[in-house]
Amino acid sequence: MSTNTNKRPNSRAIIAIGLALCSIGLPLTGVGMEMLHHGSPHAIREAWAHTHVLLGLIFIVLFVWHVSLNWRSMLKHLGVSK
């Protein structure tokens, strides 16, 4: 069996993995921020908040990329014809 080592990564797989990681990371950082709300050093709370915002922005970008890649198949699935 031959393997092709020059094969580009599948963009849909990259999106799926990225969305899954962000879907796990966003609630974790949200809970982390809530737990560190009072009595923690300011720098630690800020780090959790910045991580949460960054994961949210990455999630939005990946979501838009996902929708743009799958637009035709979503329309076909919904029964909408052009």
Protein backbone atom coordinates (compact mmCIF):
# COMPACT_ATOMS: atom_id res chain seq x y z
CA MET A 1 0.00 0.00 0.00
CA SER A 2 1.48 3.34 -1.01
CA THR A 3 1.09 6.53 0.95
CA ASN A 4 1.24 10.02 -0.44
CA THR A 5 3.34 12.19 1.88
CA ASN A 6 2.75 15.36 -0.16
CA LYS A 7 -1.00 15.36 0.49
CA ARG A 8 -2.44 18.64 1.79
CA PRO A 9 -4.50 18.49 4.99
CA ASN A 10 -8.23 18.43 4.44
CA SER A 11 -9.61 21.89 5.28
CA ARG A 12 -12.90 20.40 6.50
CA ALA A 13 -11.00 18.22 8.97
CA ILE A 14 -9.04 21.24 10.20
CA ILE A 15 -12.28 23.17 10.70
CA ALA A 16 -13.93 20.26 12.51
CA ILE A 17 -11.00 19.81 14.89
CA GLY A 18 -10.74 23.56 15.50
CA LEU A 19 -14.46 23.91 16.22
CA ALA A 20 -14.33 20.92 18.57
CA LEU A 21 -11.36 22.33 20.48
CA CYS A 22 -12.99 25.75 20.73
CA SER A 23 -16.27 24.13 21.84
CA ILE A 24 -14.39 22.47 24.69
CA GLY A 25 -12.18 25.46 25.51
CA LEU A 26 -14.87 28.14 25.65
CA PRO A 27 -16.88 26.62 28.51
CA LEU A 28 -13.69 25.71 30.38
CA THR A 29 -12.35 29.25 30.20
CA GLY A 30 -15.77 30.62 31.11
CA VAL A 31 -15.89 28.47 34.22
CA GLY A 32 -12.28 29.39 34.98
CA MET A 33 -13.11 33.07 34.79
CA GLU A 34 -16.10 32.60 37.08
CA MET A 35 -14.07 30.65 39.63
CA LEU A 36 -11.34 33.30 39.65
CA HIS A 37 -13.81 36.17 39.86
CA HIS A 38 -12.91 37.25 43.38
CA GLY A 39 -9.71 36.98 45.32
CA SER A 40 -7.33 36.11 42.48
CA PRO A 41 -4.49 38.21 41.12
CA HIS A 42 -5.54 40.52 38.32
CA ALA A 43 -3.07 39.04 35.81
CA ILE A 44 -4.51 35.53 36.15
CA ARG A 45 -8.09 36.72 35.63
CA GLU A 46 -7.00 38.76 32.61
CA ALA A 47 -5.23 35.75 31.09
CA TRP A 48 -8.38 33.65 31.39
CA ALA A 49 -10.48 36.46 29.90
CA HIS A 50 -8.11 37.01 26.98
CA THR A 51 -8.01 33.27 26.27
CA HIS A 52 -11.81 33.13 26.34
CA VAL A 53 -12.16 36.05 23.91
CA LEU A 54 -9.50 34.63 21.58
CA LEU A 55 -11.22 31.23 21.50
CA GLY A 56 -14.52 32.97 20.77
CA LEU A 57 -13.04 34.87 17.83
CA ILE A 58 -11.40 31.72 16.47
CA PHE A 59 -14.74 29.91 16.81
CA ILE A 60 -16.55 32.61 14.83
CA VAL A 61 -13.93 32.57 12.05
CA LEU A 62 -14.04 28.77 11.82
CA PHE A 63 -17.85 28.81 11.81
CA VAL A 64 -17.98 31.27 8.91
CA TRP A 65 -15.34 29.20 7.06
CA HIS A 66 -17.40 26.05 7.70
CA VAL A 67 -20.59 27.64 6.38
CA SER A 68 -18.83 28.98 3.26
CA LEU A 69 -17.35 25.56 2.46
CA ASN A 70 -20.63 23.73 2.96
CA TRP A 71 -23.09 26.29 1.61
CA ARG A 72 -24.20 24.29 -1.46
CA SER A 73 -24.62 21.04 0.43
CA MET A 74 -26.60 22.83 3.16
CA LEU A 75 -28.93 24.33 0.56
CA LYS A 76 -29.41 20.91 -1.06
CA HIS A 77 -30.09 19.37 2.34
CA LEU A 78 -32.70 22.03 3.12
CA GLY A 79 -34.33 21.56 -0.29
CA VAL A 80 -33.61 25.10 -1.47
CA SER A 81 -32.86 25.25 -5.20
CA LYS A 82 -31.23 28.09 -7.08
